[in-house]
């Protein structure tokens, strides 16, 4: 539990903005497969706590970008990526592969929204 608490603290200390969380699956022959197993309900509860921590971190990051003018790389379908790799929904069409400036006016919890 102490190692897991340290991991939760690391998310804040490192100012991580996106977590990809999945339960560990032991692989035969690996050192980790010889470690004591964590009960399934504990694994599920920890994964849920870590996902919640990641969602809160992403929300804080997205909130911090509101009002900023971001240079973005335009992708297809009215989408773009900031220099922080944050996804953005564009308000105006732009050619894929181009760099444009976009004013961040909000977010939907997953991606930034441009004016």
N, C-alpha and C. Protein backbone atom coordinates (compact mmCIF):
# COMPACT_ATOMS: atom_id res chain seq x y z
N UNK A 1 0.84 -1.20 0.00
CA UNK A 1 0.00 0.00 0.00
C UNK A 1 0.87 1.25 0.00
N UNK A 2 2.00 1.18 0.69
CA UNK A 2 2.91 2.34 0.73
C UNK A 2 3.44 2.66 -0.66
N UNK A 3 3.78 1.64 -1.44
CA UNK A 3 4.27 1.86 -2.80
C UNK A 3 3.17 2.49 -3.66
N UNK A 4 1.94 2.04 -3.48
CA UNK A 4 0.84 2.62 -4.25
C UNK A 4 0.61 4.08 -3.84
N UNK A 5 0.66 4.37 -2.55
CA UNK A 5 0.52 5.76 -2.09
C UNK A 5 1.62 6.64 -2.68
N UNK A 6 2.84 6.09 -2.78
CA UNK A 6 3.94 6.84 -3.39
C UNK A 6 3.65 7.12 -4.86
N UNK A 7 3.04 6.15 -5.54
CA UNK A 7 2.68 6.36 -6.94
C UNK A 7 1.65 7.48 -7.07
N UNK A 8 0.65 7.49 -6.20
CA UNK A 8 -0.34 8.57 -6.23
C UNK A 8 0.32 9.93 -6.00
N UNK A 9 1.27 9.99 -5.08
CA UNK A 9 1.99 11.23 -4.81
C UNK A 9 2.83 11.66 -6.01
N UNK A 10 3.39 10.68 -6.71
CA UNK A 10 4.21 10.98 -7.89
C UNK A 10 3.39 11.67 -8.98
N UNK A 11 2.16 11.27 -9.16
CA UNK A 11 1.31 11.90 -10.17
C UNK A 11 1.26 13.40 -9.93
N UNK A 12 1.09 13.81 -8.66
CA UNK A 12 1.06 15.24 -8.33
C UNK A 12 2.44 15.87 -8.45
N UNK A 13 3.45 15.22 -7.88
CA UNK A 13 4.80 15.79 -7.86
C UNK A 13 5.36 15.99 -9.26
N UNK A 14 5.06 15.06 -10.16
CA UNK A 14 5.58 15.15 -11.52
C UNK A 14 4.66 15.96 -12.44
N UNK A 15 3.54 16.43 -11.90
CA UNK A 15 2.56 17.21 -12.68
C UNK A 15 2.15 16.45 -13.95
N UNK A 16 1.91 15.16 -13.80
CA UNK A 16 1.47 14.37 -14.95
C UNK A 16 0.09 14.83 -15.38
N UNK A 17 -0.16 14.80 -16.67
CA UNK A 17 -1.44 15.30 -17.18
C UNK A 17 -2.29 14.22 -17.82
N UNK A 18 -1.71 13.05 -18.07
CA UNK A 18 -2.49 11.98 -18.67
C UNK A 18 -1.93 10.65 -18.17
N UNK A 19 -2.83 9.81 -17.68
CA UNK A 19 -2.42 8.49 -17.22
C UNK A 19 -3.14 7.43 -18.03
N UNK A 20 -2.42 6.41 -18.42
CA UNK A 20 -3.01 5.23 -19.07
C UNK A 20 -2.91 4.13 -18.03
N UNK A 21 -4.04 3.77 -17.43
CA UNK A 21 -4.06 2.86 -16.30
C UNK A 21 -4.65 1.52 -16.72
N UNK A 22 -3.94 0.47 -16.40
CA UNK A 22 -4.46 -0.88 -16.64
C UNK A 22 -3.87 -1.80 -15.59
N UNK A 23 -4.64 -2.79 -15.14
CA UNK A 23 -4.12 -3.73 -14.14
C UNK A 23 -2.98 -4.58 -14.72
N UNK A 24 -2.03 -4.88 -13.88
CA UNK A 24 -0.89 -5.70 -14.26
C UNK A 24 -1.33 -7.14 -14.47
N UNK A 25 -0.80 -7.75 -15.50
CA UNK A 25 -1.02 -9.18 -15.76
C UNK A 25 0.33 -9.88 -15.70
N UNK A 26 0.50 -10.84 -14.78
CA UNK A 26 1.80 -11.51 -14.66
C UNK A 26 2.14 -12.29 -15.93
N UNK A 27 3.40 -12.26 -16.28
CA UNK A 27 3.90 -13.01 -17.43
C UNK A 27 4.85 -14.08 -16.91
N UNK A 28 4.62 -15.32 -17.24
CA UNK A 28 5.49 -16.40 -16.74
C UNK A 28 6.95 -16.13 -17.06
N UNK A 29 7.80 -16.42 -16.10
CA UNK A 29 9.23 -16.28 -16.29
C UNK A 29 9.78 -14.90 -15.99
N UNK A 30 8.93 -13.93 -15.68
CA UNK A 30 9.42 -12.59 -15.38
C UNK A 30 9.60 -12.44 -13.87
N UNK A 31 10.50 -11.57 -13.43
CA UNK A 31 10.68 -11.36 -11.99
C UNK A 31 9.37 -10.94 -11.31
N UNK A 32 8.58 -10.12 -11.96
CA UNK A 32 7.33 -9.66 -11.34
C UNK A 32 6.35 -10.81 -11.12
N UNK A 33 6.41 -11.84 -11.94
CA UNK A 33 5.51 -12.98 -11.79
C UNK A 33 5.80 -13.76 -10.50
N UNK A 34 7.01 -13.57 -9.95
CA UNK A 34 7.38 -14.27 -8.71
C UNK A 34 7.03 -13.45 -7.47
N UNK A 35 6.56 -12.23 -7.67
CA UNK A 35 6.20 -11.38 -6.53
C UNK A 35 4.88 -11.84 -5.94
N UNK A 36 4.63 -11.53 -4.67
CA UNK A 36 3.35 -11.91 -4.06
C UNK A 36 2.19 -11.25 -4.83
N UNK A 37 1.15 -12.01 -5.05
CA UNK A 37 -0.01 -11.51 -5.80
C UNK A 37 -0.84 -10.56 -4.93
N UNK A 38 -1.39 -9.55 -5.58
CA UNK A 38 -2.32 -8.63 -4.92
C UNK A 38 -3.72 -9.14 -5.23
N UNK A 39 -4.60 -9.20 -4.24
CA UNK A 39 -5.96 -9.69 -4.49
C UNK A 39 -6.70 -8.85 -5.54
N UNK A 40 -7.52 -9.53 -6.33
CA UNK A 40 -8.25 -8.87 -7.41
C UNK A 40 -9.05 -7.65 -6.99
N UNK A 41 -9.80 -7.70 -5.89
CA UNK A 41 -10.54 -6.51 -5.48
C UNK A 41 -9.64 -5.32 -5.15
N UNK A 42 -8.46 -5.59 -4.61
CA UNK A 42 -7.50 -4.52 -4.30
C UNK A 42 -6.98 -3.93 -5.61
N UNK A 43 -6.68 -4.78 -6.57
CA UNK A 43 -6.22 -4.31 -7.88
C UNK A 43 -7.26 -3.39 -8.50
N UNK A 44 -8.52 -3.81 -8.50
CA UNK A 44 -9.60 -3.02 -9.10
C UNK A 44 -9.77 -1.68 -8.38
N UNK A 45 -9.70 -1.70 -7.06
CA UNK A 45 -9.86 -0.48 -6.28
C UNK A 45 -8.70 0.49 -6.53
N UNK A 46 -7.49 -0.03 -6.60
CA UNK A 46 -6.33 0.83 -6.86
C UNK A 46 -6.39 1.41 -8.27
N UNK A 47 -6.77 0.59 -9.24
CA UNK A 47 -6.89 1.09 -10.61
C UNK A 47 -7.93 2.21 -10.67
N UNK A 48 -9.04 2.05 -9.97
CA UNK A 48 -10.07 3.09 -9.95
C UNK A 48 -9.55 4.37 -9.30
N UNK A 49 -8.81 4.23 -8.21
CA UNK A 49 -8.24 5.41 -7.55
C UNK A 49 -7.24 6.12 -8.45
N UNK A 50 -6.41 5.34 -9.14
CA UNK A 50 -5.41 5.93 -10.03
C UNK A 50 -6.08 6.60 -11.23
N UNK A 51 -7.12 5.98 -11.78
CA UNK A 51 -7.85 6.61 -12.89
C UNK A 51 -8.48 7.93 -12.43
N UNK A 52 -9.05 7.95 -11.23
CA UNK A 52 -9.64 9.19 -10.70
C UNK A 52 -8.58 10.27 -10.52
N UNK A 53 -7.41 9.87 -10.03
CA UNK A 53 -6.30 10.81 -9.87
C UNK A 53 -5.88 11.36 -11.23
N UNK A 54 -5.82 10.49 -12.24
CA UNK A 54 -5.46 10.92 -13.59
C UNK A 54 -6.50 11.85 -14.19
N UNK A 55 -7.78 11.55 -13.97
CA UNK A 55 -8.84 12.42 -14.49
C UNK A 55 -8.77 13.81 -13.86
N UNK A 56 -8.48 13.87 -12.57
CA UNK A 56 -8.35 15.16 -11.89
C UNK A 56 -7.13 15.93 -12.41
N UNK A 57 -6.04 15.22 -12.65
CA UNK A 57 -4.83 15.86 -13.18
C UNK A 57 -5.10 16.42 -14.58
N UNK A 58 -5.78 15.65 -15.41
CA UNK A 58 -6.11 16.12 -16.76
C UNK A 58 -7.02 17.33 -16.68
N UNK A 59 -8.01 17.30 -15.81
CA UNK A 59 -8.93 18.43 -15.64
C UNK A 59 -8.17 19.70 -15.26
N UNK A 60 -7.24 19.57 -14.30
CA UNK A 60 -6.44 20.74 -13.89
C UNK A 60 -5.63 21.28 -15.05
N UNK A 61 -5.01 20.37 -15.82
CA UNK A 61 -4.20 20.82 -16.95
C UNK A 61 -5.08 21.53 -17.98
N UNK A 62 -6.19 20.92 -18.35
CA UNK A 62 -7.06 21.53 -19.35
C UNK A 62 -7.58 22.88 -18.86
N UNK A 63 -7.96 22.97 -17.59
CA UNK A 63 -8.40 24.24 -17.01
C UNK A 63 -7.31 25.30 -17.16
N UNK A 64 -6.05 24.90 -16.97
CA UNK A 64 -4.94 25.86 -17.01
C UNK A 64 -4.71 26.44 -18.40
N UNK A 65 -5.22 25.79 -19.42
CA UNK A 65 -4.99 26.25 -20.79
C UNK A 65 -6.08 27.22 -21.27
N UNK A 66 -7.20 27.31 -20.56
CA UNK A 66 -8.30 28.20 -20.97
C UNK A 66 -7.80 29.64 -20.99
N UNK A 67 -8.06 30.32 -22.10
CA UNK A 67 -7.62 31.69 -22.29
C UNK A 67 -6.28 31.80 -23.00
N UNK A 68 -5.58 30.71 -23.15
CA UNK A 68 -4.28 30.72 -23.81
C UNK A 68 -4.45 30.60 -25.33
N UNK A 69 -3.53 31.19 -26.03
CA UNK A 69 -3.44 30.98 -27.47
C UNK A 69 -2.38 29.90 -27.68
N UNK A 70 -2.81 28.80 -28.25
CA UNK A 70 -1.94 27.64 -28.45
C UNK A 70 -1.59 27.49 -29.92
N UNK A 71 -0.33 27.21 -30.20
CA UNK A 71 0.03 26.81 -31.55
C UNK A 71 -0.26 25.33 -31.65
N UNK A 72 -1.05 24.95 -32.66
CA UNK A 72 -1.47 23.55 -32.78
C UNK A 72 -1.14 23.01 -34.16
N UNK A 73 -0.94 21.70 -34.19
CA UNK A 73 -0.77 20.98 -35.44
C UNK A 73 -2.13 20.42 -35.82
N UNK A 74 -2.63 20.83 -36.97
CA UNK A 74 -3.96 20.42 -37.40
C UNK A 74 -3.93 18.98 -37.89
N UNK A 75 -4.90 18.21 -37.39
CA UNK A 75 -5.11 16.84 -37.84
C UNK A 75 -6.37 16.84 -38.70
N UNK A 76 -6.89 15.69 -39.00
CA UNK A 76 -8.10 15.61 -39.80
C UNK A 76 -9.34 15.74 -38.93
N UNK A 77 -10.46 16.05 -39.56
CA UNK A 77 -11.74 16.05 -38.87
C UNK A 77 -11.93 17.17 -37.87
N UNK A 78 -11.28 18.31 -38.09
CA UNK A 78 -11.45 19.44 -37.19
C UNK A 78 -10.75 19.27 -35.85
N UNK A 79 -9.75 18.43 -35.82
CA UNK A 79 -9.00 18.17 -34.60
C UNK A 79 -7.57 18.69 -34.77
N UNK A 80 -6.90 18.91 -33.62
CA UNK A 80 -5.52 19.38 -33.62
C UNK A 80 -4.86 18.92 -32.33
N UNK A 81 -3.55 19.11 -32.25
CA UNK A 81 -2.77 18.78 -31.04
C UNK A 81 -1.89 19.97 -30.69
N UNK A 82 -1.85 20.30 -29.39
CA UNK A 82 -0.98 21.36 -28.91
C UNK A 82 0.45 20.83 -28.78
N UNK A 83 1.37 21.72 -28.44
CA UNK A 83 2.75 21.29 -28.22
C UNK A 83 2.85 20.36 -27.02
N UNK A 84 1.84 20.37 -26.15
CA UNK A 84 1.79 19.47 -24.99
C UNK A 84 1.11 18.16 -25.35
N UNK A 85 0.75 17.99 -26.61
CA UNK A 85 0.05 16.82 -27.14
C UNK A 85 -1.40 16.75 -26.67
N UNK A 86 -1.92 17.84 -26.15
CA UNK A 86 -3.32 17.87 -25.74
C UNK A 86 -4.19 17.94 -26.99
N UNK A 87 -5.23 17.13 -27.05
CA UNK A 87 -6.14 17.19 -28.20
C UNK A 87 -7.01 18.44 -28.14
N UNK A 88 -7.33 18.95 -29.31
CA UNK A 88 -8.15 20.16 -29.41
C UNK A 88 -9.17 20.00 -30.52
N UNK A 89 -10.36 20.49 -30.26
CA UNK A 89 -11.42 20.56 -31.28
C UNK A 89 -11.42 21.99 -31.81
N UNK A 90 -11.24 22.11 -33.12
CA UNK A 90 -11.15 23.42 -33.75
C UNK A 90 -12.53 23.96 -34.12
N UNK A 91 -12.64 25.29 -34.10
CA UNK A 91 -13.90 25.95 -34.45
C UNK A 91 -13.95 26.31 -35.92
N UNK A 92 -12.79 26.32 -36.56
CA UNK A 92 -12.76 26.70 -37.98
C UNK A 92 -11.95 25.66 -38.75
N UNK A 93 -12.28 25.49 -40.01
CA UNK A 93 -11.52 24.51 -40.80
C UNK A 93 -10.09 24.97 -41.03
N UNK A 94 -9.21 24.01 -41.10
CA UNK A 94 -7.81 24.27 -41.40
C UNK A 94 -7.24 23.02 -42.06
N UNK A 95 -6.25 23.23 -42.89
CA UNK A 95 -5.67 22.13 -43.65
C UNK A 95 -4.85 21.22 -42.73
N UNK A 96 -5.09 19.91 -42.79
CA UNK A 96 -4.28 18.97 -42.00
C UNK A 96 -2.80 19.15 -42.30
N UNK A 97 -2.00 19.07 -41.24
CA UNK A 97 -0.55 19.21 -41.38
C UNK A 97 -0.06 20.63 -41.21
N UNK A 98 -0.97 21.60 -41.07
CA UNK A 98 -0.55 22.98 -40.89
C UNK A 98 -0.48 23.34 -39.41
N UNK A 99 0.32 24.35 -39.11
CA UNK A 99 0.38 24.90 -37.76
C UNK A 99 -0.44 26.17 -37.74
N UNK A 100 -1.33 26.29 -36.76
CA UNK A 100 -2.13 27.49 -36.61
C UNK A 100 -2.17 27.87 -35.14
N UNK A 101 -2.54 29.12 -34.89
CA UNK A 101 -2.78 29.57 -33.53
C UNK A 101 -4.27 29.46 -33.24
N UNK A 102 -4.61 28.98 -32.05
CA UNK A 102 -6.01 28.81 -31.68
C UNK A 102 -6.20 29.24 -30.23
N UNK A 103 -7.24 30.03 -29.99
CA UNK A 103 -7.58 30.48 -28.65
C UNK A 103 -8.39 29.40 -27.95
N UNK A 104 -7.93 28.98 -26.78
CA UNK A 104 -8.64 27.97 -25.99
C UNK A 104 -9.76 28.66 -25.20
N UNK A 105 -11.00 28.23 -25.44
CA UNK A 105 -12.14 28.83 -24.75
C UNK A 105 -12.78 27.89 -23.74
N UNK A 106 -12.37 26.64 -23.74
CA UNK A 106 -12.94 25.69 -22.80
C UNK A 106 -12.42 24.30 -23.06
N UNK A 107 -13.07 23.32 -22.41
CA UNK A 107 -12.74 21.91 -22.64
C UNK A 107 -13.93 21.07 -22.22
N UNK A 108 -13.92 19.84 -22.63
CA UNK A 108 -15.02 18.93 -22.29
C UNK A 108 -14.56 17.82 -21.33
N UNK A 109 -13.42 18.02 -20.70
CA UNK A 109 -12.87 17.03 -19.78
C UNK A 109 -11.88 16.10 -20.46
N UNK A 110 -11.90 16.07 -21.78
CA UNK A 110 -10.99 15.22 -22.54
C UNK A 110 -10.15 15.99 -23.54
N UNK A 111 -10.73 17.03 -24.11
CA UNK A 111 -10.01 17.80 -25.13
C UNK A 111 -10.32 19.28 -24.98
N UNK A 112 -9.39 20.10 -25.45
CA UNK A 112 -9.57 21.54 -25.45
C UNK A 112 -10.54 21.93 -26.56
N UNK A 113 -11.19 23.07 -26.37
CA UNK A 113 -12.11 23.59 -27.38
C UNK A 113 -11.59 24.97 -27.78
N UNK A 114 -11.43 25.18 -29.08
CA UNK A 114 -10.90 26.45 -29.60
C UNK A 114 -12.04 27.33 -30.09
N UNK A 115 -11.77 28.62 -30.05
CA UNK A 115 -12.74 29.61 -30.56
C UNK A 115 -12.61 29.70 -32.07
